[in-house]
Amino acid sequence: MKRVMIVDDSSFLRLSLKRILIAEGFEVVVEAVDGLDAIEKYEEYNPDIVSMDITMPSLNGIDAIKELKKIDNNVNIIVISSLGQESQVKKAFLAGATNFVVKPFQESFVKEAFNKIL
């Protein structure tokens, strides 16, 4: 079972994503509210997959991706963000993201993005 960390400053989004992932057979081991929180929790929980928002307080998702890649270059990061502009998608992939899902997301897109990593 793949272990997931959900990183988003919206508790509603975290809950929605968690529900989808658990139903799909993933184990959500931890949630983080921003990039700094994600970096601290990544080292403690060592998840297989990280879902990452881009716009968050303290440390944005792009910078958090870069830091997580320094810790573990093999980490799988799926960006889930309302910033669907091409420039943000490009920045996410250049930073090391594995996939990108635009909010508001369709459940099928989330499932497809996470199952691709399996």
N, C-alpha and C. Protein backbone atom coordinates (compact mmCIF):
# COMPACT_ATOMS: atom_id res chain seq x y z
N MET A 1 0.84 -1.18 0.00
CA MET A 1 0.00 0.00 0.00
C MET A 1 0.89 1.25 0.00
N LYS A 2 0.65 2.14 -0.95
CA LYS A 2 1.43 3.37 -1.05
C LYS A 2 1.01 4.36 0.03
N ARG A 3 2.02 4.95 0.67
CA ARG A 3 1.80 5.92 1.75
C ARG A 3 1.86 7.33 1.18
N VAL A 4 0.88 8.16 1.57
CA VAL A 4 0.73 9.50 0.99
C VAL A 4 0.77 10.58 2.07
N MET A 5 1.41 11.71 1.74
CA MET A 5 1.32 12.92 2.55
C MET A 5 0.57 13.96 1.71
N ILE A 6 -0.46 14.56 2.29
CA ILE A 6 -1.24 15.60 1.62
C ILE A 6 -0.79 16.96 2.16
N VAL A 7 -0.40 17.86 1.26
CA VAL A 7 0.07 19.19 1.65
C VAL A 7 -0.84 20.24 1.01
N ASP A 8 -1.61 20.92 1.84
CA ASP A 8 -2.50 21.98 1.35
C ASP A 8 -2.95 22.80 2.55
N ASP A 9 -3.08 24.10 2.38
CA ASP A 9 -3.52 24.95 3.49
C ASP A 9 -5.03 24.91 3.68
N SER A 10 -5.76 24.27 2.78
CA SER A 10 -7.22 24.15 2.89
C SER A 10 -7.60 22.82 3.55
N SER A 11 -8.21 22.89 4.72
CA SER A 11 -8.62 21.66 5.40
C SER A 11 -9.69 20.93 4.59
N PHE A 12 -10.54 21.67 3.89
CA PHE A 12 -11.57 21.05 3.06
C PHE A 12 -10.94 20.23 1.94
N LEU A 13 -9.93 20.80 1.29
CA LEU A 13 -9.25 20.08 0.21
C LEU A 13 -8.55 18.84 0.75
N ARG A 14 -7.88 18.98 1.89
CA ARG A 14 -7.19 17.82 2.47
C ARG A 14 -8.17 16.70 2.76
N LEU A 15 -9.32 17.04 3.33
CA LEU A 15 -10.33 16.04 3.65
C LEU A 15 -10.88 15.38 2.38
N SER A 16 -11.17 16.17 1.36
CA SER A 16 -11.70 15.64 0.10
C SER A 16 -10.69 14.70 -0.57
N LEU A 17 -9.45 15.13 -0.62
CA LEU A 17 -8.41 14.32 -1.24
C LEU A 17 -8.17 13.04 -0.44
N LYS A 18 -8.17 13.16 0.87
CA LYS A 18 -7.97 11.99 1.73
C LYS A 18 -9.06 10.94 1.48
N ARG A 19 -10.29 11.39 1.38
CA ARG A 19 -11.42 10.48 1.13
C ARG A 19 -11.23 9.72 -0.18
N ILE A 20 -10.85 10.43 -1.23
CA ILE A 20 -10.63 9.80 -2.54
C ILE A 20 -9.49 8.78 -2.48
N LEU A 21 -8.40 9.18 -1.86
CA LEU A 21 -7.22 8.31 -1.84
C LEU A 21 -7.43 7.05 -1.00
N ILE A 22 -8.09 7.19 0.13
CA ILE A 22 -8.36 6.02 0.97
C ILE A 22 -9.27 5.05 0.22
N ALA A 23 -10.29 5.58 -0.44
CA ALA A 23 -11.20 4.73 -1.22
C ALA A 23 -10.47 4.03 -2.36
N GLU A 24 -9.40 4.64 -2.83
CA GLU A 24 -8.63 4.07 -3.94
C GLU A 24 -7.55 3.10 -3.44
N GLY A 25 -7.42 2.96 -2.12
CA GLY A 25 -6.48 1.99 -1.56
C GLY A 25 -5.15 2.57 -1.11
N PHE A 26 -5.04 3.88 -1.04
CA PHE A 26 -3.82 4.51 -0.55
C PHE A 26 -3.92 4.72 0.96
N GLU A 27 -2.79 4.80 1.63
CA GLU A 27 -2.75 5.10 3.06
C GLU A 27 -2.28 6.54 3.24
N VAL A 28 -3.13 7.40 3.75
CA VAL A 28 -2.75 8.78 4.01
C VAL A 28 -2.12 8.80 5.40
N VAL A 29 -0.79 8.94 5.44
CA VAL A 29 -0.07 8.82 6.71
C VAL A 29 0.06 10.14 7.45
N VAL A 30 -0.03 11.26 6.72
CA VAL A 30 0.13 12.56 7.38
C VAL A 30 -0.38 13.66 6.45
N GLU A 31 -0.78 14.77 7.08
CA GLU A 31 -1.19 15.97 6.35
C GLU A 31 -0.31 17.12 6.81
N ALA A 32 -0.05 18.06 5.89
CA ALA A 32 0.73 19.24 6.22
C ALA A 32 -0.01 20.47 5.70
N VAL A 33 0.15 21.60 6.40
CA VAL A 33 -0.60 22.81 6.07
C VAL A 33 0.17 23.80 5.20
N ASP A 34 1.48 23.59 5.04
CA ASP A 34 2.28 24.46 4.17
C ASP A 34 3.61 23.76 3.87
N GLY A 35 4.44 24.41 3.08
CA GLY A 35 5.69 23.81 2.67
C GLY A 35 6.65 23.50 3.80
N LEU A 36 6.74 24.39 4.79
CA LEU A 36 7.63 24.13 5.92
C LEU A 36 7.17 22.92 6.72
N ASP A 37 5.88 22.85 6.96
CA ASP A 37 5.30 21.72 7.67
C ASP A 37 5.55 20.43 6.89
N ALA A 38 5.45 20.50 5.58
CA ALA A 38 5.67 19.32 4.73
C ALA A 38 7.10 18.80 4.83
N ILE A 39 8.07 19.69 4.84
CA ILE A 39 9.47 19.27 4.92
C ILE A 39 9.74 18.57 6.25
N GLU A 40 9.23 19.15 7.34
CA GLU A 40 9.42 18.53 8.65
C GLU A 40 8.76 17.15 8.71
N LYS A 41 7.54 17.06 8.21
CA LYS A 41 6.80 15.79 8.30
C LYS A 41 7.31 14.75 7.31
N TYR A 42 7.86 15.19 6.18
CA TYR A 42 8.39 14.23 5.21
C TYR A 42 9.49 13.39 5.84
N GLU A 43 10.40 14.05 6.52
CA GLU A 43 11.52 13.33 7.12
C GLU A 43 11.05 12.36 8.22
N GLU A 44 9.97 12.71 8.91
CA GLU A 44 9.46 11.84 9.97
C GLU A 44 8.65 10.66 9.42
N TYR A 45 7.79 10.90 8.40
CA TYR A 45 6.86 9.88 7.93
C TYR A 45 7.32 9.16 6.65
N ASN A 46 8.24 9.76 5.90
CA ASN A 46 8.79 9.15 4.69
C ASN A 46 7.71 8.55 3.77
N PRO A 47 6.77 9.37 3.30
CA PRO A 47 5.71 8.85 2.42
C PRO A 47 6.25 8.50 1.03
N ASP A 48 5.52 7.65 0.32
CA ASP A 48 5.89 7.28 -1.05
C ASP A 48 5.49 8.35 -2.05
N ILE A 49 4.38 9.04 -1.76
CA ILE A 49 3.83 10.05 -2.66
C ILE A 49 3.45 11.28 -1.84
N VAL A 50 3.70 12.45 -2.40
CA VAL A 50 3.31 13.72 -1.77
C VAL A 50 2.39 14.47 -2.72
N SER A 51 1.21 14.87 -2.23
CA SER A 51 0.38 15.80 -3.01
C SER A 51 0.73 17.20 -2.50
N MET A 52 0.92 18.13 -3.42
CA MET A 52 1.44 19.45 -3.04
C MET A 52 0.64 20.57 -3.69
N ASP A 53 0.12 21.47 -2.87
CA ASP A 53 -0.48 22.70 -3.38
C ASP A 53 0.66 23.66 -3.73
N ILE A 54 0.39 24.67 -4.54
CA ILE A 54 1.44 25.64 -4.87
C ILE A 54 1.35 26.88 -3.98
N THR A 55 0.17 27.47 -3.88
CA THR A 55 0.02 28.71 -3.12
C THR A 55 -0.32 28.40 -1.67
N MET A 56 0.66 28.59 -0.79
CA MET A 56 0.49 28.34 0.64
C MET A 56 1.31 29.36 1.43
N PRO A 57 0.91 29.59 2.69
CA PRO A 57 1.70 30.49 3.54
C PRO A 57 3.03 29.85 3.93
N SER A 58 3.93 30.64 4.43
CA SER A 58 5.25 30.22 4.94
C SER A 58 6.21 29.77 3.84
N LEU A 59 5.90 28.72 3.11
CA LEU A 59 6.76 28.24 2.02
C LEU A 59 5.85 27.69 0.94
N ASN A 60 5.96 28.25 -0.28
CA ASN A 60 5.07 27.81 -1.35
C ASN A 60 5.46 26.42 -1.85
N GLY A 61 4.57 25.83 -2.64
CA GLY A 61 4.75 24.47 -3.11
C GLY A 61 5.97 24.27 -4.00
N ILE A 62 6.27 25.24 -4.86
CA ILE A 62 7.42 25.10 -5.76
C ILE A 62 8.71 25.01 -4.94
N ASP A 63 8.87 25.89 -3.96
CA ASP A 63 10.07 25.86 -3.12
C ASP A 63 10.10 24.61 -2.24
N ALA A 64 8.93 24.18 -1.78
CA ALA A 64 8.87 22.95 -0.97
C ALA A 64 9.28 21.73 -1.80
N ILE A 65 8.86 21.70 -3.07
CA ILE A 65 9.26 20.59 -3.95
C ILE A 65 10.78 20.54 -4.06
N LYS A 66 11.38 21.69 -4.28
CA LYS A 66 12.85 21.75 -4.41
C LYS A 66 13.53 21.22 -3.15
N GLU A 67 13.01 21.59 -1.98
CA GLU A 67 13.60 21.13 -0.72
C GLU A 67 13.40 19.63 -0.52
N LEU A 68 12.21 19.14 -0.85
CA LEU A 68 11.95 17.70 -0.72
C LEU A 68 12.85 16.89 -1.66
N LYS A 69 13.11 17.42 -2.84
CA LYS A 69 13.98 16.73 -3.79
C LYS A 69 15.42 16.68 -3.27
N LYS A 70 15.82 17.68 -2.49
CA LYS A 70 17.16 17.65 -1.88
C LYS A 70 17.24 16.54 -0.83
N ILE A 71 16.14 16.33 -0.12
CA ILE A 71 16.09 15.30 0.92
C ILE A 71 16.04 13.92 0.28
N ASP A 72 15.19 13.78 -0.75
CA ASP A 72 14.99 12.49 -1.41
C ASP A 72 14.70 12.75 -2.88
N ASN A 73 15.69 12.56 -3.71
CA ASN A 73 15.54 12.85 -5.13
C ASN A 73 14.51 11.94 -5.81
N ASN A 74 14.17 10.82 -5.18
CA ASN A 74 13.22 9.88 -5.77
C ASN A 74 11.78 10.09 -5.33
N VAL A 75 11.51 11.12 -4.53
CA VAL A 75 10.16 11.37 -4.04
C VAL A 75 9.22 11.66 -5.22
N ASN A 76 8.03 11.08 -5.15
CA ASN A 76 6.99 11.31 -6.16
C ASN A 76 6.08 12.41 -5.65
N ILE A 77 5.99 13.51 -6.40
CA ILE A 77 5.19 14.66 -5.98
C ILE A 77 4.15 14.97 -7.05
N ILE A 78 2.89 14.97 -6.62
CA ILE A 78 1.80 15.34 -7.50
C ILE A 78 1.29 16.70 -7.05
N VAL A 79 1.42 17.69 -7.91
CA VAL A 79 0.96 19.03 -7.59
C VAL A 79 -0.55 19.09 -7.85
N ILE A 80 -1.28 19.54 -6.85
CA ILE A 80 -2.73 19.74 -6.98
C ILE A 80 -2.99 21.19 -6.62
N SER A 81 -3.22 22.01 -7.65
CA SER A 81 -3.30 23.44 -7.41
C SER A 81 -4.28 24.12 -8.36
N SER A 82 -4.84 25.22 -7.90
CA SER A 82 -5.75 26.00 -8.74
C SER A 82 -4.97 26.86 -9.74
N LEU A 83 -3.67 26.90 -9.57
CA LEU A 83 -2.86 27.67 -10.51
C LEU A 83 -2.54 26.81 -11.72
N GLY A 84 -3.46 26.76 -12.66
CA GLY A 84 -3.30 25.89 -13.81
C GLY A 84 -2.59 26.55 -14.98
N GLN A 85 -2.08 27.75 -14.79
CA GLN A 85 -1.40 28.40 -15.90
C GLN A 85 -0.15 27.62 -16.30
N GLU A 86 0.16 27.69 -17.55
CA GLU A 86 1.29 26.95 -18.09
C GLU A 86 2.59 27.25 -17.35
N SER A 87 2.81 28.50 -16.95
CA SER A 87 4.07 28.85 -16.28
C SER A 87 4.21 28.14 -14.93
N GLN A 88 3.11 28.01 -14.19
CA GLN A 88 3.15 27.33 -12.89
C GLN A 88 3.36 25.83 -13.05
N VAL A 89 2.71 25.26 -14.06
CA VAL A 89 2.89 23.83 -14.35
C VAL A 89 4.35 23.57 -14.71
N LYS A 90 4.90 24.42 -15.55
CA LYS A 90 6.30 24.27 -15.96
C LYS A 90 7.24 24.39 -14.76
N LYS A 91 7.00 25.37 -13.89
CA LYS A 91 7.83 25.54 -12.70
C LYS A 91 7.76 24.30 -11.80
N ALA A 92 6.55 23.74 -11.66
CA ALA A 92 6.38 22.55 -10.82
C ALA A 92 7.17 21.37 -11.37
N PHE A 93 7.10 21.16 -12.68
CA PHE A 93 7.84 20.05 -13.28
C PHE A 93 9.35 20.29 -13.24
N LEU A 94 9.78 21.53 -13.46
CA LEU A 94 11.21 21.84 -13.38
C LEU A 94 11.74 21.65 -11.97
N ALA A 95 10.89 21.89 -10.97
CA ALA A 95 11.30 21.71 -9.57
C ALA A 95 11.37 20.23 -9.20
N GLY A 96 10.67 19.38 -9.97
CA GLY A 96 10.73 17.95 -9.71
C GLY A 96 9.40 17.25 -9.53
N ALA A 97 8.29 17.93 -9.82
CA ALA A 97 6.98 17.29 -9.70
C ALA A 97 6.85 16.14 -10.69
N THR A 98 6.10 15.13 -10.28
CA THR A 98 5.86 13.95 -11.11
C THR A 98 4.64 14.14 -11.99
N ASN A 99 3.62 14.83 -11.45
CA ASN A 99 2.37 15.03 -12.19
C ASN A 99 1.70 16.29 -11.66
N PHE A 100 0.64 16.74 -12.35
CA PHE A 100 -0.05 17.97 -12.00
C PHE A 100 -1.55 17.78 -12.20
N VAL A 101 -2.35 18.12 -11.20
CA VAL A 101 -3.81 18.08 -11.29
C VAL A 101 -4.32 19.47 -10.94
N VAL A 102 -5.20 20.01 -11.79
CA VAL A 102 -5.72 21.36 -11.58
C VAL A 102 -6.98 21.31 -10.71
N LYS A 103 -7.03 22.22 -9.71
CA LYS A 103 -8.22 22.39 -8.86
C LYS A 103 -9.16 23.39 -9.54
N PRO A 104 -10.46 23.26 -9.40
CA PRO A 104 -11.13 22.15 -8.73
C PRO A 104 -10.95 20.88 -9.56
N PHE A 105 -10.61 19.80 -8.90
CA PHE A 105 -10.28 18.58 -9.62
C PHE A 105 -11.48 17.65 -9.75
N GLN A 106 -11.39 16.83 -10.79
CA GLN A 106 -12.35 15.74 -10.92
C GLN A 106 -11.73 14.52 -10.25
N GLU A 107 -12.53 13.78 -9.53
CA GLU A 107 -12.05 12.62 -8.80
C GLU A 107 -11.27 11.66 -9.71
N SER A 108 -11.74 11.48 -10.92
CA SER A 108 -11.08 10.55 -11.85
C SER A 108 -9.66 11.01 -12.19
N PHE A 109 -9.45 12.33 -12.28
CA PHE A 109 -8.10 12.85 -12.58
C PHE A 109 -7.15 12.58 -11.42
N VAL A 110 -7.65 12.72 -10.19
CA VAL A 110 -6.83 12.45 -9.02
C VAL A 110 -6.44 10.97 -8.99
N LYS A 111 -7.42 10.11 -9.17
CA LYS A 111 -7.15 8.66 -9.17
C LYS A 111 -6.12 8.29 -10.24
N GLU A 112 -6.30 8.84 -11.42
CA GLU A 112 -5.38 8.53 -12.52
C GLU A 112 -3.96 9.00 -12.20
N ALA A 113 -3.82 10.20 -11.68
CA ALA A 113 -2.48 10.73 -11.36
C ALA A 113 -1.77 9.88 -10.30
N PHE A 114 -2.50 9.49 -9.26
CA PHE A 114 -1.88 8.69 -8.20
C PHE A 114 -1.61 7.25 -8.63
N ASN A 115 -2.52 6.69 -9.40
CA ASN A 115 -2.34 5.30 -9.84
C ASN A 115 -1.23 5.16 -10.88
N LYS A 116 -0.91 6.24 -11.60
CA LYS A 116 0.21 6.20 -12.55
C LYS A 116 1.52 5.91 -11.83
N ILE A 117 1.63 6.36 -10.60
CA ILE A 117 2.86 6.17 -9.83
C ILE A 117 3.03 4.70 -9.43
N LEU A 118 1.93 3.98 -9.29
CA LEU A 118 2.02 2.57 -8.94
C LEU A 118 2.68 1.81 -10.06
